[in-house]
């Protein structure tokens, strides 16, 4: 990636983005592809051991409520989802600057994968049938999306918004896997051409 000199002079940290990506070994590309396709298959079925990964994000989500509670009720309630999506984005940015495509792909895949449980939670905003988790007083439990959609006047559209979020999650996950495979095949092709010379 080539950035303008004026930009890199002002923001020297961006110079790292001009470096080449670390190559993806062929064995790693095969292993990651297998992992992602198995995960996508299990996500489409709605069951499977790989979906236990969502459990990692539960304490991150709940921690977001704690972190943002100092900024008022709306940021407190939205903070769970904000941190749930913010952590994988922050890690993806770290790996981007390290030029590690495998790390970027893993983090971005799970960023988009989190759209699926978020969409399930959104679709439940009016019905409020899902069991809720909370930190602290169990008598004072707020359904995040009932509150958030209610505050912005979108509660009656919970299912439609959830459907769009779910669709974007699937498109994002498939795009990330496609990018990683493209990136890896480019590395394999480049190394084969270098050996032929």
N, C-alpha and C. Protein backbone atom coordinates (compact mmCIF):
# COMPACT_ATOMS: atom_id res chain seq x y z
N UNK A 1 0.86 -1.16 0.00
CA UNK A 1 0.00 0.00 0.00
C UNK A 1 0.91 1.23 0.00
N UNK A 2 0.62 2.17 -0.87
CA UNK A 2 1.42 3.39 -0.92
C UNK A 2 0.56 4.56 -0.43
N UNK A 3 1.06 5.25 0.59
CA UNK A 3 0.38 6.41 1.13
C UNK A 3 1.14 7.66 0.72
N UNK A 4 0.43 8.78 0.67
CA UNK A 4 1.08 10.02 0.27
C UNK A 4 2.13 10.42 1.30
N UNK A 5 3.19 11.03 0.81
CA UNK A 5 4.29 11.44 1.69
C UNK A 5 3.82 12.49 2.69
N UNK A 6 2.92 13.36 2.27
CA UNK A 6 2.40 14.38 3.19
C UNK A 6 1.68 13.74 4.37
N UNK A 7 0.96 12.66 4.10
CA UNK A 7 0.24 11.97 5.16
C UNK A 7 1.20 11.25 6.10
N UNK A 8 2.18 10.55 5.54
CA UNK A 8 3.11 9.81 6.39
C UNK A 8 4.07 10.74 7.14
N UNK A 9 4.32 11.94 6.60
CA UNK A 9 5.13 12.91 7.35
C UNK A 9 4.39 13.41 8.58
N UNK A 10 3.08 13.63 8.43
CA UNK A 10 2.28 14.10 9.56
C UNK A 10 2.00 12.99 10.56
N UNK A 11 1.74 11.80 10.04
CA UNK A 11 1.41 10.66 10.89
C UNK A 11 2.40 9.53 10.60
N UNK A 12 3.55 9.61 11.23
CA UNK A 12 4.62 8.65 10.96
C UNK A 12 4.21 7.21 11.24
N UNK A 13 3.26 7.02 12.14
CA UNK A 13 2.81 5.67 12.47
C UNK A 13 2.23 4.95 11.25
N UNK A 14 1.74 5.71 10.28
CA UNK A 14 1.14 5.11 9.08
C UNK A 14 2.18 4.51 8.14
N UNK A 15 3.45 4.80 8.35
CA UNK A 15 4.49 4.24 7.48
C UNK A 15 4.49 2.71 7.52
N UNK A 16 4.08 2.16 8.64
CA UNK A 16 4.03 0.69 8.76
C UNK A 16 3.10 0.08 7.72
N UNK A 17 2.09 0.83 7.29
CA UNK A 17 1.14 0.31 6.31
C UNK A 17 1.73 0.20 4.91
N UNK A 18 2.89 0.79 4.70
CA UNK A 18 3.55 0.68 3.40
C UNK A 18 4.40 -0.58 3.29
N UNK A 19 4.58 -1.27 4.40
CA UNK A 19 5.35 -2.52 4.39
C UNK A 19 4.53 -3.64 3.74
N UNK A 20 5.22 -4.66 3.28
CA UNK A 20 4.55 -5.82 2.72
C UNK A 20 3.91 -6.64 3.84
N UNK A 21 2.85 -7.35 3.49
CA UNK A 21 2.22 -8.27 4.43
C UNK A 21 3.16 -9.43 4.71
N UNK A 22 3.12 -9.95 5.94
CA UNK A 22 3.82 -11.21 6.22
C UNK A 22 3.18 -12.29 5.35
N UNK A 23 4.00 -13.14 4.74
CA UNK A 23 3.42 -14.18 3.89
C UNK A 23 2.64 -15.21 4.71
N UNK A 24 1.63 -15.80 4.07
CA UNK A 24 0.83 -16.84 4.70
C UNK A 24 1.32 -18.17 4.13
N UNK A 25 1.89 -19.03 4.98
CA UNK A 25 2.34 -20.33 4.48
C UNK A 25 1.16 -21.14 3.94
N UNK A 26 1.44 -22.00 2.98
CA UNK A 26 0.39 -22.80 2.35
C UNK A 26 -0.37 -23.63 3.38
N UNK A 27 0.35 -24.27 4.31
CA UNK A 27 -0.31 -25.11 5.32
C UNK A 27 -1.25 -24.27 6.19
N UNK A 28 -0.83 -23.03 6.50
CA UNK A 28 -1.67 -22.15 7.32
C UNK A 28 -2.93 -21.74 6.55
N UNK A 29 -2.77 -21.47 5.27
CA UNK A 29 -3.92 -21.10 4.45
C UNK A 29 -4.94 -22.24 4.41
N UNK A 30 -4.45 -23.46 4.26
CA UNK A 30 -5.35 -24.63 4.23
C UNK A 30 -6.03 -24.79 5.59
N UNK A 31 -5.26 -24.66 6.68
CA UNK A 31 -5.83 -24.84 8.02
C UNK A 31 -6.86 -23.75 8.33
N UNK A 32 -6.52 -22.49 8.04
CA UNK A 32 -7.46 -21.40 8.31
C UNK A 32 -8.71 -21.54 7.46
N UNK A 33 -8.54 -21.90 6.19
CA UNK A 33 -9.71 -22.07 5.32
C UNK A 33 -10.64 -23.15 5.87
N UNK A 34 -10.06 -24.27 6.31
CA UNK A 34 -10.86 -25.33 6.91
C UNK A 34 -11.60 -24.86 8.15
N UNK A 35 -10.90 -24.12 9.01
CA UNK A 35 -11.51 -23.60 10.23
C UNK A 35 -12.69 -22.68 9.90
N UNK A 36 -12.46 -21.72 8.98
CA UNK A 36 -13.52 -20.76 8.67
C UNK A 36 -14.71 -21.42 7.98
N UNK A 37 -14.46 -22.36 7.08
CA UNK A 37 -15.59 -23.02 6.41
C UNK A 37 -16.37 -23.89 7.39
N UNK A 38 -15.68 -24.56 8.31
CA UNK A 38 -16.39 -25.34 9.34
C UNK A 38 -17.20 -24.41 10.24
N UNK A 39 -16.60 -23.28 10.61
CA UNK A 39 -17.31 -22.32 11.46
C UNK A 39 -18.56 -21.80 10.74
N UNK A 40 -18.41 -21.43 9.48
CA UNK A 40 -19.55 -20.92 8.71
C UNK A 40 -20.65 -21.98 8.59
N UNK A 41 -20.25 -23.22 8.38
CA UNK A 41 -21.22 -24.31 8.30
C UNK A 41 -21.98 -24.44 9.62
N UNK A 42 -21.24 -24.44 10.74
CA UNK A 42 -21.89 -24.57 12.03
C UNK A 42 -22.76 -23.34 12.35
N UNK A 43 -22.32 -22.16 11.96
CA UNK A 43 -23.13 -20.95 12.18
C UNK A 43 -24.41 -21.02 11.37
N UNK A 44 -24.34 -21.53 10.15
CA UNK A 44 -25.54 -21.65 9.32
C UNK A 44 -26.52 -22.66 9.93
N UNK A 45 -25.99 -23.73 10.52
CA UNK A 45 -26.83 -24.73 11.18
C UNK A 45 -27.35 -24.23 12.53
N UNK A 46 -26.62 -23.31 13.14
CA UNK A 46 -27.01 -22.78 14.44
C UNK A 46 -26.55 -23.63 15.60
N UNK A 47 -25.67 -24.60 15.32
CA UNK A 47 -25.13 -25.42 16.41
C UNK A 47 -23.76 -25.96 16.01
N UNK A 48 -22.97 -26.24 17.03
CA UNK A 48 -21.63 -26.77 16.80
C UNK A 48 -20.67 -26.25 17.85
N UNK A 49 -19.63 -27.02 18.08
CA UNK A 49 -18.69 -26.65 19.14
C UNK A 49 -17.95 -25.35 18.87
N UNK A 50 -17.74 -24.98 17.63
CA UNK A 50 -17.02 -23.73 17.34
C UNK A 50 -17.83 -22.50 17.76
N UNK A 51 -19.14 -22.64 17.84
CA UNK A 51 -19.97 -21.51 18.24
C UNK A 51 -19.80 -21.16 19.71
N UNK A 52 -19.10 -22.02 20.45
CA UNK A 52 -18.77 -21.69 21.85
C UNK A 52 -17.90 -20.44 21.92
N UNK A 53 -17.30 -20.07 20.80
CA UNK A 53 -16.49 -18.85 20.74
C UNK A 53 -17.31 -17.63 21.15
N UNK A 54 -18.61 -17.66 20.92
CA UNK A 54 -19.46 -16.54 21.32
C UNK A 54 -19.40 -16.30 22.82
N UNK A 55 -19.12 -17.36 23.59
CA UNK A 55 -19.00 -17.22 25.03
C UNK A 55 -17.86 -16.31 25.46
N UNK A 56 -16.86 -16.18 24.61
CA UNK A 56 -15.74 -15.27 24.90
C UNK A 56 -16.22 -13.83 24.93
N UNK A 57 -17.22 -13.53 24.12
CA UNK A 57 -17.68 -12.16 23.99
C UNK A 57 -18.70 -11.74 25.05
N UNK A 58 -19.24 -12.69 25.79
CA UNK A 58 -20.22 -12.34 26.83
C UNK A 58 -19.59 -11.45 27.91
N UNK A 59 -18.43 -11.84 28.50
CA UNK A 59 -17.85 -10.94 29.50
C UNK A 59 -17.35 -9.62 28.90
N UNK A 60 -16.98 -9.63 27.63
CA UNK A 60 -16.58 -8.37 26.97
C UNK A 60 -17.79 -7.46 26.86
N UNK A 61 -18.92 -8.03 26.45
CA UNK A 61 -20.17 -7.26 26.35
C UNK A 61 -20.55 -6.69 27.71
N UNK A 62 -20.56 -7.54 28.72
CA UNK A 62 -20.94 -7.09 30.07
C UNK A 62 -19.94 -6.06 30.60
N UNK A 63 -18.67 -6.25 30.28
CA UNK A 63 -17.66 -5.27 30.68
C UNK A 63 -17.88 -3.91 30.03
N UNK A 64 -18.43 -3.91 28.82
CA UNK A 64 -18.75 -2.65 28.16
C UNK A 64 -19.77 -1.84 28.92
N UNK A 65 -20.74 -2.54 29.53
CA UNK A 65 -21.73 -1.83 30.36
C UNK A 65 -21.04 -1.17 31.55
N UNK A 66 -20.13 -1.90 32.17
CA UNK A 66 -19.41 -1.34 33.32
C UNK A 66 -18.53 -0.15 32.91
N UNK A 67 -17.85 -0.30 31.79
CA UNK A 67 -16.94 0.73 31.33
C UNK A 67 -17.65 2.03 30.96
N UNK A 68 -18.81 1.90 30.32
CA UNK A 68 -19.51 3.08 29.81
C UNK A 68 -20.60 3.62 30.75
N UNK A 69 -20.76 3.02 31.91
CA UNK A 69 -21.82 3.46 32.83
C UNK A 69 -21.58 4.87 33.36
N UNK A 70 -20.35 5.33 33.30
CA UNK A 70 -20.02 6.66 33.81
C UNK A 70 -20.48 7.78 32.87
N UNK A 71 -20.88 7.43 31.66
CA UNK A 71 -21.25 8.43 30.66
C UNK A 71 -22.76 8.61 30.52
N UNK A 72 -23.54 7.98 31.37
CA UNK A 72 -24.98 8.11 31.32
C UNK A 72 -25.65 6.81 30.93
N UNK A 73 -26.98 6.80 31.01
CA UNK A 73 -27.72 5.56 30.80
C UNK A 73 -27.63 5.03 29.37
N UNK A 74 -27.81 5.90 28.37
CA UNK A 74 -27.77 5.43 26.97
C UNK A 74 -26.40 4.87 26.62
N UNK A 75 -25.28 5.58 26.89
CA UNK A 75 -23.97 4.99 26.62
C UNK A 75 -23.71 3.72 27.43
N UNK A 76 -24.24 3.66 28.65
CA UNK A 76 -24.08 2.47 29.47
C UNK A 76 -24.72 1.26 28.78
N UNK A 77 -25.94 1.42 28.30
CA UNK A 77 -26.65 0.31 27.66
C UNK A 77 -26.01 -0.02 26.32
N UNK A 78 -25.66 0.97 25.53
CA UNK A 78 -25.03 0.75 24.23
C UNK A 78 -23.59 0.25 24.36
N UNK A 79 -22.97 0.54 25.49
CA UNK A 79 -21.56 0.20 25.70
C UNK A 79 -21.26 -1.27 25.61
N UNK A 80 -22.22 -2.12 25.97
CA UNK A 80 -21.99 -3.56 25.86
C UNK A 80 -21.70 -3.97 24.42
N UNK A 81 -22.57 -3.56 23.52
CA UNK A 81 -22.39 -3.90 22.11
C UNK A 81 -21.20 -3.15 21.53
N UNK A 82 -20.98 -1.92 21.97
CA UNK A 82 -19.85 -1.15 21.48
C UNK A 82 -18.53 -1.86 21.79
N UNK A 83 -18.36 -2.33 23.02
CA UNK A 83 -17.12 -3.02 23.37
C UNK A 83 -17.05 -4.39 22.71
N UNK A 84 -18.18 -5.06 22.59
CA UNK A 84 -18.25 -6.37 21.94
C UNK A 84 -17.73 -6.29 20.50
N UNK A 85 -18.00 -5.18 19.83
CA UNK A 85 -17.51 -4.98 18.46
C UNK A 85 -16.17 -4.24 18.44
N UNK A 86 -15.94 -3.42 19.46
CA UNK A 86 -14.71 -2.62 19.49
C UNK A 86 -13.45 -3.43 19.75
N UNK A 87 -13.55 -4.47 20.56
CA UNK A 87 -12.36 -5.28 20.87
C UNK A 87 -11.80 -5.96 19.62
N UNK A 88 -12.63 -6.68 18.83
CA UNK A 88 -12.04 -7.29 17.63
C UNK A 88 -11.53 -6.26 16.62
N UNK A 89 -12.18 -5.10 16.53
CA UNK A 89 -11.70 -4.05 15.61
C UNK A 89 -10.34 -3.54 16.08
N UNK A 90 -10.20 -3.28 17.37
CA UNK A 90 -8.93 -2.78 17.91
C UNK A 90 -7.81 -3.79 17.67
N UNK A 91 -8.10 -5.06 17.87
CA UNK A 91 -7.09 -6.09 17.63
C UNK A 91 -6.76 -6.21 16.14
N UNK A 92 -7.77 -6.07 15.29
CA UNK A 92 -7.53 -6.11 13.84
C UNK A 92 -6.63 -4.96 13.41
N UNK A 93 -6.84 -3.79 13.99
CA UNK A 93 -5.98 -2.63 13.66
C UNK A 93 -4.54 -2.91 14.10
N UNK A 94 -4.38 -3.51 15.27
CA UNK A 94 -3.03 -3.88 15.73
C UNK A 94 -2.36 -4.79 14.71
N UNK A 95 -3.06 -5.86 14.30
CA UNK A 95 -2.48 -6.80 13.34
C UNK A 95 -2.28 -6.16 11.96
N UNK A 96 -3.11 -5.20 11.60
CA UNK A 96 -2.94 -4.47 10.35
C UNK A 96 -1.60 -3.75 10.34
N UNK A 97 -1.28 -3.08 11.44
CA UNK A 97 -0.01 -2.36 11.52
C UNK A 97 1.18 -3.31 11.64
N UNK A 98 0.94 -4.53 12.10
CA UNK A 98 1.99 -5.55 12.15
C UNK A 98 2.12 -6.26 10.81
N UNK A 99 1.17 -5.99 9.90
CA UNK A 99 1.12 -6.58 8.56
C UNK A 99 0.95 -8.09 8.62
N UNK A 100 0.11 -8.55 9.55
CA UNK A 100 -0.18 -9.98 9.73
C UNK A 100 -1.61 -10.27 9.28
N UNK A 101 -1.72 -10.73 8.05
CA UNK A 101 -3.04 -10.95 7.44
C UNK A 101 -3.86 -11.98 8.21
N UNK A 102 -3.21 -13.02 8.75
CA UNK A 102 -3.95 -14.05 9.47
C UNK A 102 -4.61 -13.46 10.72
N UNK A 103 -3.92 -12.59 11.43
CA UNK A 103 -4.48 -11.94 12.61
C UNK A 103 -5.60 -10.99 12.26
N UNK A 104 -5.41 -10.21 11.20
CA UNK A 104 -6.46 -9.28 10.74
C UNK A 104 -7.71 -10.07 10.38
N UNK A 105 -7.52 -11.15 9.63
CA UNK A 105 -8.67 -11.95 9.19
C UNK A 105 -9.40 -12.56 10.38
N UNK A 106 -8.67 -13.11 11.34
CA UNK A 106 -9.30 -13.73 12.50
C UNK A 106 -10.14 -12.70 13.26
N UNK A 107 -9.56 -11.55 13.52
CA UNK A 107 -10.27 -10.52 14.29
C UNK A 107 -11.47 -9.96 13.52
N UNK A 108 -11.29 -9.71 12.23
CA UNK A 108 -12.40 -9.18 11.44
C UNK A 108 -13.50 -10.22 11.24
N UNK A 109 -13.10 -11.49 11.11
CA UNK A 109 -14.11 -12.55 11.00
C UNK A 109 -15.00 -12.54 12.24
N UNK A 110 -14.39 -12.46 13.42
CA UNK A 110 -15.19 -12.50 14.64
C UNK A 110 -15.87 -11.17 14.93
N UNK A 111 -15.37 -10.08 14.37
CA UNK A 111 -16.12 -8.82 14.42
C UNK A 111 -17.46 -9.02 13.72
N UNK A 112 -17.41 -9.52 12.50
CA UNK A 112 -18.64 -9.73 11.73
C UNK A 112 -19.47 -10.88 12.29
N UNK A 113 -18.82 -11.90 12.84
CA UNK A 113 -19.57 -13.02 13.41
C UNK A 113 -20.42 -12.54 14.58
N UNK A 114 -19.95 -11.55 15.31
CA UNK A 114 -20.71 -11.04 16.45
C UNK A 114 -21.99 -10.33 16.02
N UNK A 115 -22.12 -10.01 14.75
CA UNK A 115 -23.37 -9.46 14.25
C UNK A 115 -24.51 -10.46 14.42
N UNK A 116 -24.19 -11.77 14.37
CA UNK A 116 -25.24 -12.79 14.45
C UNK A 116 -25.90 -12.83 15.84
N UNK A 117 -25.14 -12.98 16.94
CA UNK A 117 -25.82 -12.94 18.24
C UNK A 117 -26.41 -11.56 18.55
N UNK A 118 -25.79 -10.50 18.06
CA UNK A 118 -26.35 -9.16 18.27
C UNK A 118 -27.70 -9.07 17.56
N UNK A 119 -27.78 -9.61 16.35
CA UNK A 119 -29.05 -9.59 15.60
C UNK A 119 -30.13 -10.39 16.32
N UNK A 120 -29.74 -11.52 16.91
CA UNK A 120 -30.70 -12.32 17.68
C UNK A 120 -31.24 -11.51 18.86
N UNK A 121 -30.35 -10.81 19.52
CA UNK A 121 -30.73 -9.96 20.67
C UNK A 121 -31.61 -8.81 20.19
N UNK A 122 -31.28 -8.20 19.05
CA UNK A 122 -32.08 -7.10 18.50
C UNK A 122 -33.50 -7.57 18.17
N UNK A 123 -33.60 -8.74 17.53
CA UNK A 123 -34.90 -9.25 17.10
C UNK A 123 -35.81 -9.55 18.28
N UNK A 124 -35.23 -9.70 19.46
CA UNK A 124 -35.97 -10.01 20.68
C UNK A 124 -36.41 -8.75 21.43
N UNK A 125 -36.15 -7.57 20.87
CA UNK A 125 -36.37 -6.32 21.60
C UNK A 125 -37.81 -6.16 22.07
N UNK A 126 -38.78 -6.45 21.23
CA UNK A 126 -40.18 -6.33 21.66
C UNK A 126 -40.65 -7.54 22.45
N UNK A 127 -40.31 -8.73 21.98
CA UNK A 127 -40.80 -9.96 22.62
C UNK A 127 -40.15 -10.18 23.98
N UNK A 128 -38.89 -9.86 24.11
CA UNK A 128 -38.12 -10.04 25.34
C UNK A 128 -38.26 -11.45 25.90
N UNK A 129 -38.07 -12.44 25.03
CA UNK A 129 -38.15 -13.84 25.42
C UNK A 129 -36.80 -14.42 25.84
N UNK A 130 -35.71 -13.81 25.39
CA UNK A 130 -34.38 -14.35 25.71
C UNK A 130 -34.04 -14.17 27.18
N UNK A 131 -33.35 -15.15 27.76
CA UNK A 131 -32.86 -14.94 29.13
C UNK A 131 -31.74 -13.90 29.11
N UNK A 132 -31.72 -13.03 30.08
CA UNK A 132 -30.73 -11.95 30.10
C UNK A 132 -29.69 -12.18 31.19
N UNK A 133 -28.48 -11.75 30.90
CA UNK A 133 -27.40 -11.77 31.87
C UNK A 133 -27.22 -10.36 32.41
N UNK A 134 -26.74 -10.27 33.63
CA UNK A 134 -26.47 -8.95 34.19
C UNK A 134 -25.34 -9.04 35.19
N UNK A 135 -24.73 -7.92 35.43
CA UNK A 135 -23.73 -7.79 36.47
C UNK A 135 -24.37 -6.99 37.58
N UNK A 136 -24.38 -7.53 38.77
CA UNK A 136 -24.96 -6.77 39.88
C UNK A 136 -26.38 -7.21 40.18
N UNK A 137 -27.24 -6.24 40.40
CA UNK A 137 -28.61 -6.46 40.86
C UNK A 137 -29.45 -7.17 39.80
N UNK A 138 -29.84 -8.40 40.07
CA UNK A 138 -30.65 -9.17 39.13
C UNK A 138 -32.06 -8.66 38.98
N UNK A 139 -32.53 -7.84 39.93
CA UNK A 139 -33.87 -7.29 39.84
C UNK A 139 -33.93 -6.11 38.86
N UNK A 140 -32.77 -5.52 38.58
CA UNK A 140 -32.73 -4.37 37.69
C UNK A 140 -32.02 -4.78 36.40
N UNK A 141 -32.77 -5.44 35.52
CA UNK A 141 -32.22 -5.92 34.25
C UNK A 141 -32.93 -5.18 33.13
N UNK A 142 -32.14 -4.60 32.24
CA UNK A 142 -32.69 -3.89 31.09
C UNK A 142 -32.32 -4.67 29.83
N UNK A 143 -33.29 -4.91 28.98
CA UNK A 143 -33.03 -5.50 27.67
C UNK A 143 -32.40 -4.40 26.82
N UNK A 144 -31.13 -4.58 26.48
CA UNK A 144 -30.38 -3.53 25.78
C UNK A 144 -31.14 -2.97 24.59
N UNK A 145 -31.58 -3.86 23.71
CA UNK A 145 -32.16 -3.38 22.45
C UNK A 145 -33.58 -2.88 22.60
N UNK A 146 -34.31 -3.35 23.59
CA UNK A 146 -35.63 -2.76 23.86
C UNK A 146 -35.44 -1.31 24.28
N UNK A 147 -34.47 -1.08 25.15
CA UNK A 147 -34.18 0.28 25.63
C UNK A 147 -33.66 1.15 24.49
N UNK A 148 -32.64 0.66 23.76
CA UNK A 148 -32.00 1.48 22.71
C UNK A 148 -32.97 1.80 21.58
N UNK A 149 -33.66 0.77 21.07
CA UNK A 149 -34.62 1.02 19.99
C UNK A 149 -35.77 1.90 20.47
N UNK A 150 -36.20 1.70 21.72
CA UNK A 150 -37.26 2.53 22.28
C UNK A 150 -36.85 3.99 22.37
N UNK A 151 -35.61 4.23 22.77
CA UNK A 151 -35.12 5.62 22.91
C UNK A 151 -35.02 6.34 21.58
N UNK A 152 -34.72 5.61 20.50
CA UNK A 152 -34.58 6.26 19.19
C UNK A 152 -35.82 6.08 18.31
N UNK A 153 -36.91 5.54 18.89
CA UNK A 153 -38.16 5.41 18.16
C UNK A 153 -38.16 4.34 17.08
N UNK A 154 -37.35 3.29 17.24
CA UNK A 154 -37.24 2.26 16.22
C UNK A 154 -37.68 0.88 16.72
N UNK A 155 -38.32 0.83 17.88
CA UNK A 155 -38.67 -0.45 18.49
C UNK A 155 -39.53 -1.32 17.58
N UNK A 156 -40.44 -0.71 16.85
CA UNK A 156 -41.34 -1.48 15.98
C UNK A 156 -40.60 -2.10 14.79
N UNK A 157 -39.35 -1.70 14.56
CA UNK A 157 -38.56 -2.22 13.44
C UNK A 157 -37.46 -3.17 13.90
N UNK A 158 -37.58 -3.70 15.11
CA UNK A 158 -36.52 -4.53 15.66
C UNK A 158 -36.17 -5.72 14.78
N UNK A 159 -37.16 -6.40 14.26
CA UNK A 159 -36.92 -7.61 13.45
C UNK A 159 -36.27 -7.25 12.11
N UNK A 160 -36.72 -6.15 11.49
CA UNK A 160 -36.14 -5.74 10.21
C UNK A 160 -34.68 -5.30 10.38
N UNK A 161 -34.41 -4.54 11.43
CA UNK A 161 -33.04 -4.10 11.69
C UNK A 161 -32.16 -5.31 11.97
N UNK A 162 -32.68 -6.25 12.76
CA UNK A 162 -31.93 -7.46 13.08
C UNK A 162 -31.61 -8.26 11.82
N UNK A 163 -32.57 -8.35 10.91
CA UNK A 163 -32.33 -9.06 9.65
C UNK A 163 -31.23 -8.42 8.83
N UNK A 164 -31.21 -7.10 8.80
CA UNK A 164 -30.16 -6.39 8.07
C UNK A 164 -28.80 -6.61 8.73
N UNK A 165 -28.76 -6.53 10.05
CA UNK A 165 -27.50 -6.74 10.78
C UNK A 165 -27.00 -8.17 10.54
N UNK A 166 -27.90 -9.14 10.60
CA UNK A 166 -27.51 -10.55 10.35
C UNK A 166 -26.95 -10.70 8.93
N UNK A 167 -27.62 -10.10 7.95
CA UNK A 167 -27.15 -10.16 6.57
C UNK A 167 -25.75 -9.56 6.43
N UNK A 168 -25.54 -8.39 7.05
CA UNK A 168 -24.23 -7.75 7.00
C UNK A 168 -23.16 -8.61 7.67
N UNK A 169 -23.53 -9.30 8.74
CA UNK A 169 -22.59 -10.20 9.40
C UNK A 169 -22.14 -11.32 8.47
N UNK A 170 -23.11 -11.93 7.77
CA UNK A 170 -22.75 -13.00 6.84
C UNK A 170 -21.90 -12.49 5.68
N UNK A 171 -22.28 -11.35 5.12
CA UNK A 171 -21.50 -10.78 4.02
C UNK A 171 -20.08 -10.47 4.50
N UNK A 172 -19.97 -9.90 5.69
CA UNK A 172 -18.65 -9.56 6.24
C UNK A 172 -17.79 -10.79 6.46
N UNK A 173 -18.37 -11.84 7.07
CA UNK A 173 -17.58 -13.06 7.32
C UNK A 173 -17.11 -13.69 6.01
N UNK A 174 -18.02 -13.79 5.03
CA UNK A 174 -17.64 -14.37 3.74
C UNK A 174 -16.58 -13.52 3.04
N UNK A 175 -16.70 -12.20 3.15
CA UNK A 175 -15.71 -11.31 2.53
C UNK A 175 -14.34 -11.46 3.17
N UNK A 176 -14.31 -11.59 4.48
CA UNK A 176 -13.03 -11.76 5.18
C UNK A 176 -12.36 -13.07 4.76
N UNK A 177 -13.13 -14.14 4.69
CA UNK A 177 -12.57 -15.43 4.27
C UNK A 177 -12.08 -15.33 2.83
N UNK A 178 -12.87 -14.69 1.97
CA UNK A 178 -12.44 -14.50 0.58
C UNK A 178 -11.15 -13.70 0.49
N UNK A 179 -11.05 -12.63 1.29
CA UNK A 179 -9.83 -11.81 1.29
C UNK A 179 -8.62 -12.62 1.76
N UNK A 180 -8.79 -13.41 2.82
CA UNK A 180 -7.67 -14.19 3.34
C UNK A 180 -7.21 -15.22 2.30
N UNK A 181 -8.15 -15.89 1.65
CA UNK A 181 -7.78 -16.87 0.63
C UNK A 181 -7.07 -16.17 -0.53
N UNK A 182 -7.62 -15.04 -0.98
CA UNK A 182 -6.96 -14.26 -2.06
C UNK A 182 -5.55 -13.86 -1.66
N UNK A 183 -5.42 -13.34 -0.44
CA UNK A 183 -4.12 -12.90 0.08
C UNK A 183 -3.14 -14.08 0.15
N UNK A 184 -3.63 -15.22 0.65
CA UNK A 184 -2.78 -16.40 0.77
C UNK A 184 -2.38 -16.97 -0.58
N UNK A 185 -3.32 -17.02 -1.52
CA UNK A 185 -2.99 -17.53 -2.85
C UNK A 185 -2.01 -16.60 -3.56
N UNK A 186 -2.12 -15.33 -3.29
CA UNK A 186 -1.17 -14.37 -3.85
C UNK A 186 0.24 -14.65 -3.31
N UNK A 187 0.33 -14.98 -2.03
CA UNK A 187 1.62 -15.32 -1.44
C UNK A 187 2.17 -16.62 -2.02
N UNK A 188 1.30 -17.62 -2.18
CA UNK A 188 1.73 -18.91 -2.73
C UNK A 188 2.21 -18.75 -4.17
N UNK A 189 1.46 -17.98 -4.97
CA UNK A 189 1.84 -17.71 -6.35
C UNK A 189 3.15 -16.94 -6.41
N UNK A 190 3.28 -15.93 -5.54
CA UNK A 190 4.51 -15.12 -5.52
C UNK A 190 5.72 -15.95 -5.14
N UNK A 191 5.59 -16.85 -4.17
CA UNK A 191 6.74 -17.66 -3.76
C UNK A 191 7.08 -18.69 -4.83
N UNK A 192 6.06 -19.21 -5.55
CA UNK A 192 6.31 -20.15 -6.63
C UNK A 192 7.05 -19.46 -7.77
N UNK A 193 6.69 -18.22 -8.07
CA UNK A 193 7.38 -17.47 -9.12
C UNK A 193 8.81 -17.15 -8.73
N UNK A 194 9.03 -16.85 -7.44
CA UNK A 194 10.38 -16.56 -6.96
C UNK A 194 11.26 -17.79 -7.05
N UNK A 195 10.70 -18.97 -6.76
CA UNK A 195 11.48 -20.22 -6.84
C UNK A 195 11.81 -20.53 -8.30
N UNK A 196 10.90 -20.25 -9.23
CA UNK A 196 11.11 -20.53 -10.64
C UNK A 196 12.22 -19.68 -11.24
N UNK A 197 12.48 -18.54 -10.64
CA UNK A 197 13.53 -17.66 -11.18
C UNK A 197 14.83 -18.19 -10.83
